[in-house]
Amino acid sequence: SLEGVPVVVVKCGIGKVNAALCVQILSDCFEVTHVINTG
């Protein structure tokens, strides 16, 4: 949790393939409801 909100924080690595794969894992394995890309 961060600021009282359930979160999953991850470094995906550089590039589009890494990033898309990361979203799929967040959806399938962690059942996130929203996604933020920061950088």
PDB file of all heavy atoms in Angstrom:
ATOM      1  N   SER A   1       0.836  -1.198   0.000  1.00  0.00           N
ATOM      2  CA  SER A   1       0.000   0.000   0.000  1.00  0.00           C
ATOM      3  C   SER A   1       0.870   1.247   0.000  1.00  0.00           C
ATOM      4  O   SER A   1       1.994   1.252   0.519  1.00  0.00           O
ATOM      5  CB  SER A   1      -0.932   0.007   1.213  1.00  0.00           C
ATOM      6  OG  SER A   1      -0.188   0.061   2.419  1.00  0.00           O
ATOM      7  N   LEU A   2       0.341   2.283  -0.588  1.00  0.00           N
ATOM      8  CA  LEU A   2       1.013   3.576  -0.664  1.00  0.00           C
ATOM      9  C   LEU A   2      -0.055   4.647  -0.474  1.00  0.00           C
ATOM     10  O   LEU A   2      -1.063   4.651  -1.192  1.00  0.00           O
ATOM     11  CB  LEU A   2       1.709   3.741  -2.016  1.00  0.00           C
ATOM     12  CG  LEU A   2       2.510   5.022  -2.253  1.00  0.00           C
ATOM     13  CD1 LEU A   2       3.644   5.163  -1.250  1.00  0.00           C
ATOM     14  CD2 LEU A   2       3.077   5.045  -3.684  1.00  0.00           C
ATOM     15  N   GLU A   3       0.155   5.511   0.509  1.00  0.00           N
ATOM     16  CA  GLU A   3      -0.840   6.525   0.869  1.00  0.00           C
ATOM     17  C   GLU A   3      -2.200   5.890   1.171  1.00  0.00           C
ATOM     18  O   GLU A   3      -3.259   6.460   0.889  1.00  0.00           O
ATOM     19  CB  GLU A   3      -0.986   7.566  -0.255  1.00  0.00           C
ATOM     20  CG  GLU A   3       0.289   8.289  -0.620  1.00  0.00           C
ATOM     21  CD  GLU A   3       0.856   9.122   0.530  1.00  0.00           C
ATOM     22  OE1 GLU A   3       0.097   9.430   1.464  1.00  0.00           O
ATOM     23  OE2 GLU A   3       2.055   9.459   0.477  1.00  0.00           O
ATOM     24  N   GLY A   4      -2.165   4.678   1.732  1.00  0.00           N
ATOM     25  CA  GLY A   4      -3.389   3.988   2.105  1.00  0.00           C
ATOM     26  C   GLY A   4      -4.125   3.326   0.963  1.00  0.00           C
ATOM     27  O   GLY A   4      -5.233   2.815   1.144  1.00  0.00           O
ATOM     28  N   VAL A   5      -3.521   3.292  -0.205  1.00  0.00           N
ATOM     29  CA  VAL A   5      -4.143   2.698  -1.385  1.00  0.00           C
ATOM     30  C   VAL A   5      -3.402   1.406  -1.748  1.00  0.00           C
ATOM     31  O   VAL A   5      -2.167   1.406  -1.820  1.00  0.00           O
ATOM     32  CB  VAL A   5      -4.102   3.671  -2.581  1.00  0.00           C
ATOM     33  CG1 VAL A   5      -4.703   3.027  -3.829  1.00  0.00           C
ATOM     34  CG2 VAL A   5      -4.836   4.964  -2.249  1.00  0.00           C
ATOM     35  N   PRO A   6      -4.117   0.301  -2.001  1.00  0.00           N
ATOM     36  CA  PRO A   6      -3.462  -0.926  -2.453  1.00  0.00           C
ATOM     37  C   PRO A   6      -2.780  -0.701  -3.807  1.00  0.00           C
ATOM     38  O   PRO A   6      -3.412  -0.205  -4.750  1.00  0.00           O
ATOM     39  CB  PRO A   6      -4.617  -1.919  -2.592  1.00  0.00           C
ATOM     40  CG  PRO A   6      -5.697  -1.383  -1.698  1.00  0.00           C
ATOM     41  CD  PRO A   6      -5.563   0.102  -1.786  1.00  0.00           C
ATOM     42  N   VAL A   7      -1.504  -1.045  -3.886  1.00  0.00           N
ATOM     43  CA  VAL A   7      -0.740  -0.822  -5.112  1.00  0.00           C
ATOM     44  C   VAL A   7       0.170  -2.009  -5.396  1.00  0.00           C
ATOM     45  O   VAL A   7       0.492  -2.809  -4.509  1.00  0.00           O
ATOM     46  CB  VAL A   7       0.129   0.456  -5.028  1.00  0.00           C
ATOM     47  CG1 VAL A   7      -0.729   1.702  -4.867  1.00  0.00           C
ATOM     48  CG2 VAL A   7       1.170   0.354  -3.924  1.00  0.00           C
ATOM     49  N   VAL A   8       0.581  -2.095  -6.653  1.00  0.00           N
ATOM     50  CA  VAL A   8       1.672  -2.979  -7.066  1.00  0.00           C
ATOM     51  C   VAL A   8       2.631  -2.116  -7.868  1.00  0.00           C
ATOM     52  O   VAL A   8       2.256  -1.552  -8.905  1.00  0.00           O
ATOM     53  CB  VAL A   8       1.176  -4.156  -7.928  1.00  0.00           C
ATOM     54  CG1 VAL A   8       2.354  -5.063  -8.282  1.00  0.00           C
ATOM     55  CG2 VAL A   8       0.086  -4.931  -7.226  1.00  0.00           C
ATOM     56  N   VAL A   9       3.860  -1.966  -7.389  1.00  0.00           N
ATOM     57  CA  VAL A   9       4.859  -1.115  -8.030  1.00  0.00           C
ATOM     58  C   VAL A   9       5.897  -2.005  -8.709  1.00  0.00           C
ATOM     59  O   VAL A   9       6.394  -2.963  -8.109  1.00  0.00           O
ATOM     60  CB  VAL A   9       5.539  -0.182  -7.009  1.00  0.00           C
ATOM     61  CG1 VAL A   9       6.621   0.656  -7.681  1.00  0.00           C
ATOM     62  CG2 VAL A   9       4.502   0.730  -6.346  1.00  0.00           C
ATOM     63  N   VAL A  10       6.236  -1.667  -9.953  1.00  0.00           N
ATOM     64  CA  VAL A  10       7.139  -2.538 -10.710  1.00  0.00           C
ATOM     65  C   VAL A  10       7.975  -1.741 -11.697  1.00  0.00           C
ATOM     66  O   VAL A  10       7.497  -0.775 -12.299  1.00  0.00           O
ATOM     67  CB  VAL A  10       6.343  -3.635 -11.452  1.00  0.00           C
ATOM     68  CG1 VAL A  10       5.252  -3.035 -12.337  1.00  0.00           C
ATOM     69  CG2 VAL A  10       7.249  -4.542 -12.276  1.00  0.00           C
ATOM     70  N   LYS A  11       9.239  -2.129 -11.828  1.00  0.00           N
ATOM     71  CA  LYS A  11      10.100  -1.638 -12.902  1.00  0.00           C
ATOM     72  C   LYS A  11       9.973  -2.632 -14.051  1.00  0.00           C
ATOM     73  O   LYS A  11      10.364  -3.797 -13.924  1.00  0.00           O
ATOM     74  CB  LYS A  11      11.559  -1.560 -12.437  1.00  0.00           C
ATOM     75  CG  LYS A  11      12.513  -1.069 -13.518  1.00  0.00           C
ATOM     76  CD  LYS A  11      13.962  -1.225 -13.098  1.00  0.00           C
ATOM     77  CE  LYS A  11      14.426  -2.668 -13.271  1.00  0.00           C
ATOM     78  NZ  LYS A  11      15.878  -2.841 -13.056  1.00  0.00           N
ATOM     79  N   CYS A  12       9.445  -2.179 -15.176  1.00  0.00           N
ATOM     80  CA  CYS A  12       9.188  -3.112 -16.284  1.00  0.00           C
ATOM     81  C   CYS A  12      10.394  -3.304 -17.190  1.00  0.00           C
ATOM     82  O   CYS A  12      10.478  -4.304 -17.907  1.00  0.00           O
ATOM     83  CB  CYS A  12       7.985  -2.639 -17.105  1.00  0.00           C
ATOM     84  SG  CYS A  12       8.249  -1.131 -18.060  1.00  0.00           S
ATOM     85  N   GLY A  13      11.319  -2.355 -17.190  1.00  0.00           N
ATOM     86  CA  GLY A  13      12.392  -2.381 -18.173  1.00  0.00           C
ATOM     87  C   GLY A  13      12.019  -1.509 -19.357  1.00  0.00           C
ATOM     88  O   GLY A  13      10.858  -1.139 -19.551  1.00  0.00           O
ATOM     89  N   ILE A  14      13.007  -1.184 -20.165  1.00  0.00           N
ATOM     90  CA  ILE A  14      12.821  -0.226 -21.258  1.00  0.00           C
ATOM     91  C   ILE A  14      12.223  -0.897 -22.490  1.00  0.00           C
ATOM     92  O   ILE A  14      12.598  -2.010 -22.849  1.00  0.00           O
ATOM     93  CB  ILE A  14      14.161   0.448 -21.594  1.00  0.00           C
ATOM     94  CG1 ILE A  14      14.627   1.308 -20.412  1.00  0.00           C
ATOM     95  CG2 ILE A  14      14.063   1.308 -22.851  1.00  0.00           C
ATOM     96  CD1 ILE A  14      16.042   1.827 -20.524  1.00  0.00           C
ATOM     97  N   GLY A  15      11.311  -0.198 -23.134  1.00  0.00           N
ATOM     98  CA  GLY A  15      10.778  -0.659 -24.411  1.00  0.00           C
ATOM     99  C   GLY A  15       9.354  -1.155 -24.348  1.00  0.00           C
ATOM    100  O   GLY A  15       8.826  -1.502 -23.290  1.00  0.00           O
ATOM    101  N   LYS A  16       8.729  -1.202 -25.531  1.00  0.00           N
ATOM    102  CA  LYS A  16       7.301  -1.488 -25.622  1.00  0.00           C
ATOM    103  C   LYS A  16       6.939  -2.923 -25.246  1.00  0.00           C
ATOM    104  O   LYS A  16       5.897  -3.160 -24.634  1.00  0.00           O
ATOM    105  CB  LYS A  16       6.799  -1.181 -27.033  1.00  0.00           C
ATOM    106  CG  LYS A  16       6.849   0.297 -27.400  1.00  0.00           C
ATOM    107  CD  LYS A  16       6.018   0.588 -28.648  1.00  0.00           C
ATOM    108  CE  LYS A  16       6.491  -0.243 -29.820  1.00  0.00           C
ATOM    109  NZ  LYS A  16       5.648  -0.059 -31.002  1.00  0.00           N
ATOM    110  N   VAL A  17       7.777  -3.882 -25.593  1.00  0.00           N
ATOM    111  CA  VAL A  17       7.453  -5.281 -25.272  1.00  0.00           C
ATOM    112  C   VAL A  17       7.456  -5.494 -23.766  1.00  0.00           C
ATOM    113  O   VAL A  17       6.522  -6.086 -23.195  1.00  0.00           O
ATOM    114  CB  VAL A  17       8.437  -6.241 -25.964  1.00  0.00           C
ATOM    115  CG1 VAL A  17       8.201  -7.675 -25.498  1.00  0.00           C
ATOM    116  CG2 VAL A  17       8.287  -6.165 -27.481  1.00  0.00           C
ATOM    117  N   ASN A  18       8.500  -5.026 -23.106  1.00  0.00           N
ATOM    118  CA  ASN A  18       8.564  -5.137 -21.637  1.00  0.00           C
ATOM    119  C   ASN A  18       7.339  -4.499 -20.989  1.00  0.00           C
ATOM    120  O   ASN A  18       6.746  -5.054 -20.059  1.00  0.00           O
ATOM    121  CB  ASN A  18       9.824  -4.442 -21.110  1.00  0.00           C
ATOM    122  CG  ASN A  18      11.081  -5.253 -21.326  1.00  0.00           C
ATOM    123  OD1 ASN A  18      11.049  -6.471 -21.341  1.00  0.00           O
ATOM    124  ND2 ASN A  18      12.194  -4.572 -21.499  1.00  0.00           N
ATOM    125  N   ALA A  19       6.983  -3.318 -21.465  1.00  0.00           N
ATOM    126  CA  ALA A  19       5.889  -2.563 -20.857  1.00  0.00           C
ATOM    127  C   ALA A  19       4.550  -3.276 -21.020  1.00  0.00           C
ATOM    128  O   ALA A  19       3.764  -3.377 -20.066  1.00  0.00           O
ATOM    129  CB  ALA A  19       5.825  -1.166 -21.480  1.00  0.00           C
ATOM    130  N   ALA A  20       4.263  -3.755 -22.216  1.00  0.00           N
ATOM    131  CA  ALA A  20       2.993  -4.442 -22.464  1.00  0.00           C
ATOM    132  C   ALA A  20       2.911  -5.744 -21.677  1.00  0.00           C
ATOM    133  O   ALA A  20       1.866  -6.086 -21.107  1.00  0.00           O
ATOM    134  CB  ALA A  20       2.827  -4.709 -23.956  1.00  0.00           C
ATOM    135  N   LEU A  21       4.017  -6.478 -21.633  1.00  0.00           N
ATOM    136  CA  LEU A  21       4.064  -7.725 -20.867  1.00  0.00           C
ATOM    137  C   LEU A  21       3.785  -7.451 -19.394  1.00  0.00           C
ATOM    138  O   LEU A  21       3.068  -8.208 -18.726  1.00  0.00           O
ATOM    139  CB  LEU A  21       5.440  -8.370 -21.041  1.00  0.00           C
ATOM    140  CG  LEU A  21       5.714  -9.678 -20.290  1.00  0.00           C
ATOM    141  CD1 LEU A  21       4.736 -10.761 -20.715  1.00  0.00           C
ATOM    142  CD2 LEU A  21       7.150 -10.129 -20.522  1.00  0.00           C
ATOM    143  N   CYS A  22       4.322  -6.350 -18.895  1.00  0.00           N
ATOM    144  CA  CYS A  22       4.134  -5.984 -17.493  1.00  0.00           C
ATOM    145  C   CYS A  22       2.660  -5.738 -17.178  1.00  0.00           C
ATOM    146  O   CYS A  22       2.148  -6.178 -16.143  1.00  0.00           O
ATOM    147  CB  CYS A  22       4.955  -4.737 -17.179  1.00  0.00           C
ATOM    148  SG  CYS A  22       4.926  -4.250 -15.451  1.00  0.00           S
ATOM    149  N   VAL A  23       1.967  -5.036 -18.066  1.00  0.00           N
ATOM    150  CA  VAL A  23       0.538  -4.787 -17.850  1.00  0.00           C
ATOM    151  C   VAL A  23      -0.238  -6.096 -17.793  1.00  0.00           C
ATOM    152  O   VAL A  23      -1.121  -6.280 -16.944  1.00  0.00           O
ATOM    153  CB  VAL A  23      -0.033  -3.893 -18.968  1.00  0.00           C
ATOM    154  CG1 VAL A  23      -1.555  -3.764 -18.822  1.00  0.00           C
ATOM    155  CG2 VAL A  23       0.598  -2.514 -18.933  1.00  0.00           C
ATOM    156  N   GLN A  24       0.108  -7.026 -18.678  1.00  0.00           N
ATOM    157  CA  GLN A  24      -0.614  -8.300 -18.696  1.00  0.00           C
ATOM    158  C   GLN A  24      -0.407  -9.081 -17.402  1.00  0.00           C
ATOM    159  O   GLN A  24      -1.343  -9.691 -16.876  1.00  0.00           O
ATOM    160  CB  GLN A  24      -0.172  -9.143 -19.899  1.00  0.00           C
ATOM    161  CG  GLN A  24      -1.129 -10.266 -20.233  1.00  0.00           C
ATOM    162  CD  GLN A  24      -2.517  -9.741 -20.575  1.00  0.00           C
ATOM    163  OE1 GLN A  24      -2.670  -8.880 -21.430  1.00  0.00           O
ATOM    164  NE2 GLN A  24      -3.530 -10.240 -19.879  1.00  0.00           N
ATOM    165  N   ILE A  25       0.805  -9.044 -16.879  1.00  0.00           N
ATOM    166  CA  ILE A  25       1.080  -9.719 -15.601  1.00  0.00           C
ATOM    167  C   ILE A  25       0.309  -9.039 -14.470  1.00  0.00           C
ATOM    168  O   ILE A  25      -0.270  -9.709 -13.611  1.00  0.00           O
ATOM    169  CB  ILE A  25       2.592  -9.721 -15.309  1.00  0.00           C
ATOM    170  CG1 ILE A  25       3.330 -10.583 -16.338  1.00  0.00           C
ATOM    171  CG2 ILE A  25       2.867 -10.237 -13.898  1.00  0.00           C
ATOM    172  CD1 ILE A  25       4.840 -10.465 -16.280  1.00  0.00           C
ATOM    173  N   LEU A  26       0.284  -7.709 -14.472  1.00  0.00           N
ATOM    174  CA  LEU A  26      -0.469  -6.980 -13.448  1.00  0.00           C
ATOM    175  C   LEU A  26      -1.948  -7.349 -13.488  1.00  0.00           C
ATOM    176  O   LEU A  26      -2.606  -7.471 -12.451  1.00  0.00           O
ATOM    177  CB  LEU A  26      -0.307  -5.478 -13.642  1.00  0.00           C
ATOM    178  CG  LEU A  26       1.029  -4.866 -13.212  1.00  0.00           C
ATOM    179  CD1 LEU A  26       1.136  -3.428 -13.697  1.00  0.00           C
ATOM    180  CD2 LEU A  26       1.211  -4.940 -11.703  1.00  0.00           C
ATOM    181  N   SER A  27      -2.473  -7.548 -14.690  1.00  0.00           N
ATOM    182  CA  SER A  27      -3.883  -7.908 -14.835  1.00  0.00           C
ATOM    183  C   SER A  27      -4.132  -9.352 -14.427  1.00  0.00           C
ATOM    184  O   SER A  27      -5.040  -9.641 -13.640  1.00  0.00           O
ATOM    185  CB  SER A  27      -4.323  -7.690 -16.288  1.00  0.00           C
ATOM    186  OG  SER A  27      -5.671  -8.064 -16.468  1.00  0.00           O
ATOM    187  N   ASP A  28      -3.324 -10.261 -14.928  1.00  0.00           N
ATOM    188  CA  ASP A  28      -3.564 -11.696 -14.714  1.00  0.00           C
ATOM    189  C   ASP A  28      -3.182 -12.170 -13.314  1.00  0.00           C
ATOM    190  O   ASP A  28      -3.907 -12.957 -12.698  1.00  0.00           O
ATOM    191  CB  ASP A  28      -2.775 -12.516 -15.744  1.00  0.00           C
ATOM    192  CG  ASP A  28      -3.314 -12.387 -17.153  1.00  0.00           C
ATOM    193  OD1 ASP A  28      -4.456 -11.903 -17.305  1.00  0.00           O
ATOM    194  OD2 ASP A  28      -2.596 -12.759 -18.102  1.00  0.00           O
ATOM    195  N   CYS A  29      -2.055 -11.723 -12.832  1.00  0.00           N
ATOM    196  CA  CYS A  29      -1.510 -12.263 -11.581  1.00  0.00           C
ATOM    197  C   CYS A  29      -1.835 -11.410 -10.343  1.00  0.00           C
ATOM    198  O   CYS A  29      -1.838 -11.934  -9.222  1.00  0.00           O
ATOM    199  CB  CYS A  29       0.005 -12.412 -11.694  1.00  0.00           C
ATOM    200  SG  CYS A  29       0.538 -13.496 -13.046  1.00  0.00           S
ATOM    201  N   PHE A  30      -2.084 -10.133 -10.543  1.00  0.00           N
ATOM    202  CA  PHE A  30      -2.308  -9.244  -9.400  1.00  0.00           C
ATOM    203  C   PHE A  30      -3.693  -8.613  -9.403  1.00  0.00           C
ATOM    204  O   PHE A  30      -4.066  -7.945  -8.450  1.00  0.00           O
ATOM    205  CB  PHE A  30      -1.234  -8.148  -9.368  1.00  0.00           C
ATOM    206  CG  PHE A  30       0.146  -8.689  -9.147  1.00  0.00           C
ATOM    207  CD1 PHE A  30       0.963  -9.002 -10.225  1.00  0.00           C
ATOM    208  CD2 PHE A  30       0.637  -8.907  -7.865  1.00  0.00           C
ATOM    209  CE1 PHE A  30       2.239  -9.509 -10.034  1.00  0.00           C
ATOM    210  CE2 PHE A  30       1.909  -9.413  -7.665  1.00  0.00           C
ATOM    211  CZ  PHE A  30       2.712  -9.717  -8.750  1.00  0.00           C
ATOM    212  N   GLU A  31      -4.418  -8.795 -10.479  1.00  0.00           N
ATOM    213  CA  GLU A  31      -5.803  -8.318 -10.603  1.00  0.00           C
ATOM    214  C   GLU A  31      -5.929  -6.831 -10.270  1.00  0.00           C
ATOM    215  O   GLU A  31      -6.811  -6.420  -9.520  1.00  0.00           O
ATOM    216  CB  GLU A  31      -6.735  -9.155  -9.723  1.00  0.00           C
ATOM    217  CG  GLU A  31      -6.770 -10.621 -10.133  1.00  0.00           C
ATOM    218  CD  GLU A  31      -7.715 -11.456  -9.287  1.00  0.00           C
ATOM    219  OE1 GLU A  31      -7.978 -11.063  -8.125  1.00  0.00           O
ATOM    220  OE2 GLU A  31      -8.206 -12.473  -9.786  1.00  0.00           O
ATOM    221  N   VAL A  32      -5.026  -6.029 -10.838  1.00  0.00           N
ATOM    222  CA  VAL A  32      -5.120  -4.585 -10.623  1.00  0.00           C
ATOM    223  C   VAL A  32      -6.363  -4.051 -11.323  1.00  0.00           C
ATOM    224  O   VAL A  32      -6.871  -4.639 -12.286  1.00  0.00           O
ATOM    225  CB  VAL A  32      -3.865  -3.839 -11.122  1.00  0.00           C
ATOM    226  CG1 VAL A  32      -2.614  -4.337 -10.400  1.00  0.00           C
ATOM    227  CG2 VAL A  32      -3.709  -3.954 -12.629  1.00  0.00           C
ATOM    228  N   THR A  33      -6.856  -2.928 -10.830  1.00  0.00           N
ATOM    229  CA  THR A  33      -8.058  -2.313 -11.400  1.00  0.00           C
ATOM    230  C   THR A  33      -7.741  -1.065 -12.220  1.00  0.00           C
ATOM    231  O   THR A  33      -8.575  -0.625 -13.028  1.00  0.00           O
ATOM    232  CB  THR A  33      -9.038  -1.922 -10.281  1.00  0.00           C
ATOM    233  OG1 THR A  33      -8.375  -1.022  -9.371  1.00  0.00           O
ATOM    234  CG2 THR A  33      -9.516  -3.164  -9.528  1.00  0.00           C
ATOM    235  N   HIS A  34      -6.562  -0.478 -11.996  1.00  0.00           N
ATOM    236  CA  HIS A  34      -6.134   0.723 -12.709  1.00  0.00           C
ATOM    237  C   HIS A  34      -4.625   0.630 -12.945  1.00  0.00           C
ATOM    238  O   HIS A  34      -3.925  -0.082 -12.221  1.00  0.00           O
ATOM    239  CB  HIS A  34      -6.421   1.998 -11.903  1.00  0.00           C
ATOM    240  CG  HIS A  34      -7.857   2.208 -11.557  1.00  0.00           C
ATOM    241  ND1 HIS A  34      -8.511   1.457 -10.594  1.00  0.00           N
ATOM    242  CD2 HIS A  34      -8.765   3.090 -12.039  1.00  0.00           C
ATOM    243  CE1 HIS A  34      -9.765   1.873 -10.503  1.00  0.00           C
ATOM    244  NE2 HIS A  34      -9.947   2.866 -11.360  1.00  0.00           N
ATOM    245  N   VAL A  35      -4.145   1.376 -13.944  1.00  0.00           N
ATOM    246  CA  VAL A  35      -2.714   1.377 -14.258  1.00  0.00           C
ATOM    247  C   VAL A  35      -2.212   2.813 -14.390  1.00  0.00           C
ATOM    248  O   VAL A  35      -2.849   3.654 -15.045  1.00  0.00           O
ATOM    249  CB  VAL A  35      -2.426   0.619 -15.574  1.00  0.00           C
ATOM    250  CG1 VAL A  35      -0.968   0.787 -15.990  1.00  0.00           C
ATOM    251  CG2 VAL A  35      -2.764  -0.859 -15.423  1.00  0.00           C
ATOM    252  N   ILE A  36      -1.081   3.086 -13.742  1.00  0.00           N
ATOM    253  CA  ILE A  36      -0.373   4.353 -13.907  1.00  0.00           C
ATOM    254  C   ILE A  36       1.011   4.057 -14.473  1.00  0.00           C
ATOM    255  O   ILE A  36       1.718   3.187 -13.975  1.00  0.00           O
ATOM    256  CB  ILE A  36      -0.205   5.095 -12.566  1.00  0.00           C
ATOM    257  CG1 ILE A  36      -1.565   5.464 -11.972  1.00  0.00           C
ATOM    258  CG2 ILE A  36       0.647   6.349 -12.750  1.00  0.00           C
ATOM    259  CD1 ILE A  36      -1.453   6.066 -10.574  1.00  0.00           C
ATOM    260  N   ASN A  37       1.382   4.772 -15.510  1.00  0.00           N
ATOM    261  CA  ASN A  37       2.757   4.718 -16.007  1.00  0.00           C
ATOM    262  C   ASN A  37       3.445   6.021 -15.630  1.00  0.00           C
ATOM    263  O   ASN A  37       3.014   7.098 -16.031  1.00  0.00           O
ATOM    264  CB  ASN A  37       2.764   4.530 -17.524  1.00  0.00           C
ATOM    265  CG  ASN A  37       4.157   4.565 -18.130  1.00  0.00           C
ATOM    266  OD1 ASN A  37       4.340   5.057 -19.233  1.00  0.00           O
ATOM    267  ND2 ASN A  37       5.150   4.053 -17.421  1.00  0.00           N
ATOM    268  N   THR A  38       4.487   5.920 -14.835  1.00  0.00           N
ATOM    269  CA  THR A  38       5.220   7.099 -14.382  1.00  0.00           C
ATOM    270  C   THR A  38       6.640   7.069 -14.940  1.00  0.00           C
ATOM    271  O   THR A  38       7.216   6.004 -15.150  1.00  0.00           O
ATOM    272  CB  THR A  38       5.264   7.156 -12.839  1.00  0.00           C
ATOM    273  OG1 THR A  38       6.028   8.298 -12.425  1.00  0.00           O
ATOM    274  CG2 THR A  38       5.893   5.912 -12.236  1.00  0.00           C
ATOM    275  N   GLY A  39       7.191   8.239 -15.198  1.00  0.00           N
ATOM    276  CA  GLY A  39       8.564   8.262 -15.696  1.00  0.00           C
ATOM    277  C   GLY A  39       8.918   9.575 -16.360  1.00  0.00           C
ATOM    278  O   GLY A  39       8.332  10.616 -16.079  1.00  0.00           O
TER     279      GLY A  39
END
